[in-house]
Protein backbone atom coordinates (compact mmCIF):
# COMPACT_ATOMS: atom_id res chain seq x y z
CA UNK A 1 78.89 100.97 224.45
CA UNK A 2 79.71 98.98 220.61
CA UNK A 3 78.14 100.87 218.02
CA UNK A 4 74.63 100.24 216.61
CA UNK A 5 72.52 101.50 219.60
CA UNK A 6 72.75 103.74 222.08
CA UNK A 7 70.89 103.90 225.19
CA UNK A 8 69.05 106.22 227.01
CA UNK A 9 70.72 108.67 229.91
CA UNK A 10 69.43 108.14 233.45
CA UNK A 11 67.75 111.17 233.23
CA UNK A 12 66.02 110.60 230.12
CA UNK A 13 65.34 106.81 231.81
CA UNK A 14 63.64 108.61 234.52
CA UNK A 15 61.57 110.94 232.56
CA UNK A 16 60.40 108.15 230.55
CA UNK A 17 59.40 105.99 233.42
CA UNK A 18 57.45 108.75 235.19
CA UNK A 19 55.47 109.16 232.03
CA UNK A 20 54.68 105.14 231.97
CA UNK A 21 53.15 105.44 235.18
CA UNK A 22 50.27 107.73 236.57
CA UNK A 23 48.58 107.14 239.68
CA UNK A 24 50.35 104.37 240.29
CA UNK A 25 48.82 102.83 237.13
CA UNK A 26 51.28 101.54 233.75
CA UNK A 27 49.95 103.84 230.87
CA UNK A 28 48.83 102.33 227.73
CA UNK A 29 49.27 103.07 224.41
CA UNK A 30 46.26 103.95 222.33
CA UNK A 31 47.69 102.35 218.89
CA UNK A 32 47.56 98.72 218.91
CA UNK A 33 50.47 96.70 219.44
CA UNK A 34 52.83 95.22 217.13
CA UNK A 35 52.85 91.74 217.04
CA UNK A 36 56.43 90.67 218.50
CA UNK A 37 58.74 88.08 217.42
CA UNK A 38 58.74 84.84 219.83
CA UNK A 39 62.13 83.50 220.30
CA UNK A 40 62.17 79.98 221.69
CA UNK A 41 65.50 79.93 223.70
CA UNK A 42 65.09 76.35 224.29
CA UNK A 43 66.06 75.57 220.74
CA UNK A 44 68.14 78.77 219.89
CA UNK A 45 71.54 77.84 218.15
CA UNK A 46 74.46 79.41 220.39
CA UNK A 47 77.30 80.99 219.40
CA UNK A 48 80.74 79.92 220.58
CA UNK A 49 83.21 82.38 222.29
CA UNK A 50 86.63 80.67 220.71
CA UNK A 51 84.64 82.42 217.59
CA UNK A 52 84.86 85.51 218.50
CA UNK A 53 87.41 88.16 216.83
CA UNK A 54 90.25 90.08 217.97
CA UNK A 55 88.80 93.30 216.69
CA UNK A 56 87.75 95.84 219.49
CA UNK A 57 84.18 94.62 219.76
CA UNK A 58 85.51 91.25 220.17
CA UNK A 59 88.03 92.20 222.81
CA UNK A 60 85.24 93.27 225.01
CA UNK A 61 82.97 90.47 224.42
CA UNK A 62 86.10 88.33 225.85
CA UNK A 63 86.57 90.43 228.43
CA UNK A 64 82.76 90.66 229.58
CA UNK A 65 82.86 86.21 229.33
CA UNK A 66 85.81 86.52 231.57
CA UNK A 67 83.57 88.83 233.73
CA UNK A 68 80.61 86.80 233.98
CA UNK A 69 82.21 83.61 234.23
CA UNK A 70 85.47 84.12 236.40
CA UNK A 71 84.02 87.36 238.38
CA UNK A 72 85.93 86.68 242.04
CA UNK A 73 89.50 86.82 240.30
CA UNK A 74 88.68 89.51 237.82
CA UNK A 75 86.68 92.29 240.23
CA UNK A 76 86.09 90.52 243.53
CA UNK A 77 87.11 91.30 247.02
CA UNK A 78 90.63 90.17 246.70
CA UNK A 79 91.92 91.45 243.49
CA UNK A 80 95.01 93.04 243.87
CA UNK A 81 93.98 96.56 242.51
CA UNK A 82 91.10 97.89 245.44
CA UNK A 83 89.81 100.35 242.65
CA UNK A 84 88.49 96.99 240.75
CA UNK A 85 86.92 95.64 243.63
CA UNK A 86 83.27 95.45 242.42
CA UNK A 87 81.76 92.29 243.74
CA UNK A 88 81.60 92.30 247.60
CA UNK A 89 81.60 88.11 247.34
CA UNK A 90 83.14 85.50 245.77
CA UNK A 91 80.54 84.34 243.24
CA UNK A 92 80.52 84.48 239.83
CA UNK A 93 77.87 85.41 237.43
CA UNK A 94 77.56 81.97 236.18
CA UNK A 95 76.93 80.75 239.40
CA UNK A 96 73.17 81.49 238.59
CA UNK A 97 73.40 82.72 234.99
CA UNK A 98 74.27 78.84 234.20
CA UNK A 99 76.07 77.57 231.19
CA UNK A 100 77.77 81.39 231.22
CA UNK A 101 74.31 83.26 231.02
CA UNK A 102 72.83 80.57 227.84
CA UNK A 103 70.74 77.90 229.89
CA UNK A 104 66.95 78.42 229.38
CA UNK A 105 65.29 79.46 232.49
CA UNK A 106 68.39 79.83 234.56
CA UNK A 107 67.98 83.27 234.00
CA UNK A 108 69.92 83.68 230.53
CA UNK A 109 70.93 86.71 228.80
CA UNK A 110 70.24 85.70 225.26
CA UNK A 111 68.05 88.27 224.09
CA UNK A 112 68.43 90.16 226.72
CA UNK A 113 70.36 93.16 224.94
CA UNK A 114 66.89 93.56 223.03
CA UNK A 115 64.74 93.79 225.82
CA UNK A 116 66.48 97.05 227.34
CA UNK A 117 65.22 100.00 228.21
CA UNK A 118 62.66 98.32 230.31
CA UNK A 119 60.19 99.35 232.66
CA UNK A 120 61.11 97.74 236.17
CA UNK A 121 58.83 97.36 239.36
CA UNK A 122 61.42 97.54 241.70
CA UNK A 123 62.75 100.77 240.64
CA UNK A 124 59.53 101.80 239.63
CA UNK A 125 60.89 103.45 236.60
CA UNK A 126 62.69 102.19 232.90
CA UNK A 127 66.15 100.87 233.33
CA UNK A 128 68.77 100.63 231.09
CA UNK A 129 70.87 97.72 230.90
CA UNK A 130 73.58 98.61 232.80
CA UNK A 131 70.91 99.77 235.77
CA UNK A 132 70.60 96.01 235.32
CA UNK A 133 73.81 95.28 235.44
CA UNK A 134 74.63 97.46 238.50
CA UNK A 135 71.52 95.40 240.47
CA UNK A 136 73.07 92.46 240.15
CA UNK A 137 76.43 94.20 241.25
CA UNK A 138 74.68 95.62 244.28
CA UNK A 139 72.67 92.84 245.47
CA UNK A 140 73.31 89.16 243.61
CA UNK A 141 77.17 90.00 244.37
CA UNK A 142 76.81 92.19 247.16
CA UNK A 143 79.42 94.91 245.77
CA UNK A 144 78.93 98.18 244.29
CA UNK A 145 77.75 99.69 240.98
CA UNK A 146 80.47 99.86 237.64
CA UNK A 147 80.53 103.65 236.54
CA UNK A 148 78.53 103.16 233.50
CA UNK A 149 81.64 104.20 231.19
CA UNK A 150 83.64 101.51 232.72
CA UNK A 151 85.61 99.10 230.64
CA UNK A 152 83.95 96.45 232.82
CA UNK A 153 80.62 97.76 231.85
CA UNK A 154 81.22 97.99 228.29
CA UNK A 155 82.35 94.46 228.53
CA UNK A 156 79.43 93.11 230.39
CA UNK A 157 76.99 95.08 227.85
CA UNK A 158 79.03 93.91 224.89
CA UNK A 159 78.97 90.19 226.01
CA UNK A 160 75.16 90.63 226.40
CA UNK A 161 75.06 91.93 222.89
CA UNK A 162 76.96 89.02 221.31
CA UNK A 163 74.96 86.35 223.13
CA UNK A 164 71.71 87.96 221.40
CA UNK A 165 73.08 88.26 217.89
CA UNK A 166 70.50 87.53 215.91
CA UNK A 167 67.58 88.56 218.21
CA UNK A 168 65.12 90.73 217.33
CA UNK A 169 64.76 93.71 219.68
CA UNK A 170 61.43 93.31 221.80
CA UNK A 171 61.09 89.86 220.93
CA UNK A 172 59.01 87.48 223.17
CA UNK A 173 61.34 85.25 224.54
CA UNK A 174 60.35 81.78 225.59
CA UNK A 175 62.94 80.07 228.41
CA UNK A 176 63.51 83.35 229.58
CA UNK A 177 63.79 84.26 233.19
CA UNK A 178 62.53 81.11 235.34
CA UNK A 179 59.98 78.59 234.39
CA UNK A 180 57.36 79.40 237.55
CA UNK A 181 55.89 77.08 240.06
CA UNK A 182 52.51 78.18 241.90
CA UNK A 183 53.45 76.48 245.03
CA UNK A 184 51.27 74.40 247.20
CA UNK A 185 48.11 75.70 248.97
CA UNK A 186 50.23 75.81 252.56
CA UNK A 187 53.10 77.57 254.40
CA UNK A 188 56.42 76.45 253.21
CA UNK A 189 57.84 73.54 255.47
CA UNK A 190 61.90 74.64 256.52
CA UNK A 191 61.75 71.62 258.39
CA UNK A 192 61.31 69.14 255.11
CA UNK A 193 63.58 71.26 253.64
CA UNK A 194 66.61 71.02 255.76
CA UNK A 195 65.82 67.20 254.45
CA UNK A 196 65.89 68.11 251.16
CA UNK A 197 68.54 69.67 251.83
CA UNK A 198 70.82 67.47 252.88
CA UNK A 199 69.75 64.68 250.61
CA UNK A 200 70.00 66.56 247.82
CA UNK A 201 72.00 69.73 247.89
CA UNK A 202 74.62 69.48 250.69
CA UNK A 203 76.86 67.24 248.43
CA UNK A 204 77.59 70.01 246.42
CA UNK A 205 77.04 73.04 248.57
CA UNK A 206 78.20 71.52 251.62
CA UNK A 207 75.97 70.58 254.92
CA UNK A 208 77.05 74.10 256.10
CA UNK A 209 75.56 75.38 252.70
CA UNK A 210 78.78 77.68 252.30
CA UNK A 211 79.55 75.80 248.93
CA UNK A 212 82.64 74.17 247.65
CA UNK A 213 85.83 76.84 246.93
CA UNK A 214 87.59 76.59 243.55
CA UNK A 215 90.68 74.43 242.83
CA UNK A 216 93.05 77.36 242.32
CA UNK A 217 92.31 81.24 242.77
CA UNK A 218 89.09 83.01 244.20
CA UNK A 219 85.58 81.67 243.43
CA UNK A 220 83.67 78.54 243.80
CA UNK A 221 83.17 75.44 242.42
CA UNK A 222 79.99 75.42 243.83
CA UNK A 223 78.50 78.73 245.32
CA UNK A 224 77.49 79.19 248.91
CA UNK A 225 73.89 79.32 249.66
CA UNK A 226 73.99 81.58 252.77
CA UNK A 227 76.59 83.01 254.84
CA UNK A 228 78.71 86.23 254.71
CA UNK A 229 79.71 85.41 251.08
CA UNK A 230 76.70 84.73 249.58
CA UNK A 231 74.03 86.84 247.69
CA UNK A 232 72.15 89.68 249.53
CA UNK A 233 68.84 90.34 251.59
CA UNK A 234 67.94 92.38 248.47
CA UNK A 235 68.76 89.86 245.51
CA UNK A 236 66.15 88.07 243.78
CA UNK A 237 66.87 84.89 244.87
CA UNK A 238 66.11 85.63 248.35
CA UNK A 239 62.38 85.40 247.37
CA UNK A 240 60.81 81.94 247.98
CA UNK A 241 59.16 81.58 244.71
CA UNK A 242 61.91 82.66 242.60
CA UNK A 243 64.39 80.32 244.44
CA UNK A 244 61.86 77.59 244.39
CA UNK A 245 61.33 77.99 240.37
CA UNK A 246 65.04 78.24 239.71
CA UNK A 247 66.05 75.62 242.24
CA UNK A 248 63.56 72.65 240.50
CA UNK A 249 64.25 73.46 236.91
CA UNK A 250 68.19 73.72 237.48
CA UNK A 251 69.25 71.81 240.48
CA UNK A 252 71.14 69.82 241.00
CA UNK A 253 73.98 70.91 238.52
CA UNK A 254 73.10 69.34 235.22
CA UNK A 255 69.39 69.40 235.71
CA UNK A 256 67.32 71.23 233.12
CA UNK A 257 63.63 72.09 233.39
CA UNK A 258 62.73 69.35 230.58
CA UNK A 259 63.61 66.30 233.55
CA UNK A 260 63.09 68.13 237.04
CA UNK A 261 64.49 66.36 239.69
CA UNK A 262 63.07 67.84 242.89
CA UNK A 263 59.09 67.87 242.92
CA UNK A 264 57.37 71.45 243.09
CA UNK A 265 56.88 70.67 246.82
CA UNK A 266 60.48 69.82 247.66
CA UNK A 267 61.54 72.92 245.80
CA UNK A 268 59.11 75.24 247.58
CA UNK A 269 60.18 73.78 251.11
CA UNK A 270 64.24 73.63 250.29
CA UNK A 271 63.77 77.09 249.04
CA UNK A 272 62.11 77.67 252.36
CA UNK A 273 65.20 76.36 254.35
CA UNK A 274 67.78 78.36 252.51
CA UNK A 275 66.20 81.77 251.92
CA UNK A 276 65.53 81.61 255.88
CA UNK A 277 69.18 81.48 256.88
CA UNK A 278 71.34 84.73 257.55
CA UNK A 279 73.20 86.49 254.61
CA UNK A 280 74.30 89.85 254.21
CA UNK A 281 71.45 92.77 254.58
CA UNK A 282 71.24 95.15 252.13
CA UNK A 283 70.25 98.76 253.48
CA UNK A 284 66.98 100.81 252.14
CA UNK A 285 65.36 98.13 250.97
CA UNK A 286 62.00 100.31 251.83
CA UNK A 287 62.54 102.04 248.57
CA UNK A 288 62.29 98.90 246.24
CA UNK A 289 58.67 98.56 244.66
CA UNK A 290 57.09 101.97 244.96
CA UNK A 291 54.19 101.06 243.14
CA UNK A 292 53.54 98.60 246.21
CA UNK A 293 51.01 96.50 244.30
CA UNK A 294 53.56 95.62 242.02
CA UNK A 295 55.67 94.32 244.45
CA UNK A 296 56.13 90.16 243.99
CA UNK A 297 53.95 88.61 246.39
CA UNK A 298 56.91 86.66 247.93
CA UNK A 299 59.16 89.70 248.57
CA UNK A 300 60.32 88.78 252.28
CA UNK A 301 60.59 92.87 253.15
CA UNK A 302 58.08 95.86 253.40
CA UNK A 303 56.00 97.73 253.30
CA UNK A 304 53.11 95.89 251.53
CA UNK A 305 50.10 97.21 249.82
CA UNK A 306 47.78 94.39 251.99
CA UNK A 307 47.54 93.46 255.33
CA UNK A 308 49.73 90.16 255.75
CA UNK A 309 52.98 89.89 257.38
CA UNK A 310 56.56 89.79 256.58
CA UNK A 311 56.90 86.32 257.94
CA UNK A 312 53.55 85.05 255.40
CA UNK A 313 55.08 87.35 252.26
CA UNK A 314 58.09 84.89 253.05
CA UNK A 315 57.29 81.37 253.75
CA UNK A 316 53.50 81.64 252.30
CA UNK A 317 51.05 80.75 252.17
CA UNK A 318 50.81 82.90 249.11
CA UNK A 319 46.81 82.37 247.55
CA UNK A 320 45.90 84.56 250.33
CA UNK A 321 47.86 87.46 249.80
CA UNK A 322 47.64 86.79 245.48
CA UNK A 323 43.98 87.22 245.97
CA UNK A 324 44.17 90.36 247.91
CA UNK A 325 46.38 91.80 245.95
CA UNK A 326 44.48 90.86 242.67
CA UNK A 327 41.03 92.50 244.31
CA UNK A 328 43.26 95.90 245.22
CA UNK A 329 44.67 95.69 241.60
CA UNK A 330 41.25 95.64 239.93
CA UNK A 331 40.18 98.43 241.88
CA UNK A 332 42.99 100.53 241.07
CA UNK A 333 43.53 99.23 237.81
CA UNK A 334 47.06 98.52 238.48
CA UNK A 335 49.11 96.39 235.87
CA UNK A 336 51.81 93.54 236.81
CA UNK A 337 50.31 93.33 240.42
CA UNK A 338 52.28 91.04 242.47
CA UNK A 339 54.23 89.43 239.56
CA UNK A 340 57.76 88.43 239.64
CA UNK A 341 60.21 91.00 238.40
CA UNK A 342 62.59 88.60 236.55
CA UNK A 343 60.51 87.70 233.17
CA UNK A 344 59.77 84.30 234.30
CA UNK A 345 57.35 82.43 232.33
CA UNK A 346 54.30 80.35 233.46
CA UNK A 347 54.79 76.20 233.35
CA UNK A 348 52.70 75.69 230.52
CA UNK A 349 54.93 77.76 228.30
CA UNK A 350 57.63 75.36 228.45
CA UNK A 351 58.98 73.46 225.61
């Protein structure tokens, strides 16, 4: 970890997380909160990786960039050294975090350094940045955790820190996560989604959804959306509303939130189509979201705090679930009930 800011140990983070929760309710401070700075990532000037110096920190930053953009060839399942096979598929981090983690509303890493330690509903605890990286390694990359003191983890952290240069800790980030859609007041139509996929997505991801391989080496020019080499069932992208929001504001490749190609209904249905396909299964998902009311309403696996089925949680309609969760949350005074866990913004926040 580069000098300048120490992250808490996992033991301290767990203790801090426990202190923030009481009977399933987030604690609130009696002191008035200091107004956080607001940073608009849609206008934020980005650094050039080529300008990074070859000092010890810069070397780690550039290695982190390679890990992020060329993951399969650096730590993927076919690298020569078995000890460095951390990723379980041949995706790259930048397949989802577009433009090397800098594209607004494509789950950018810009400013993320100053957001941690952070309470995460999925773990029901305060996570460090390293915890969050390993969540991606074990879910989106279908692999295994990086040792906290490994060169790879220090490189990822250094790259995130460099991307966050100039952004105050705890800033309110406009353009973080994804730009939410509410979705139609109906269950998603996977049949219509298949048509949208064939017309709009298949030219890149393939008619079989298994992607297009890179011209050389491991990895993909366009990643698979399902199948054995895709993200697993515990990844955030396996949730319909998250996948739809991402697809609408970032796909086909080159699209941005300012000029979506897909309509909200098309994104909703095509997301249902591809999340409904077979992919690797992650074990022990019942341990996710220990405060059940903080589970996003589109989480496709139980247990739940409400009476709705896994099928409805996966494909909707979501408004009845949303209304019930709000009712239960008001009774128990549980904060952040039913929310996305990836920092998504409401549509009116877009600029």
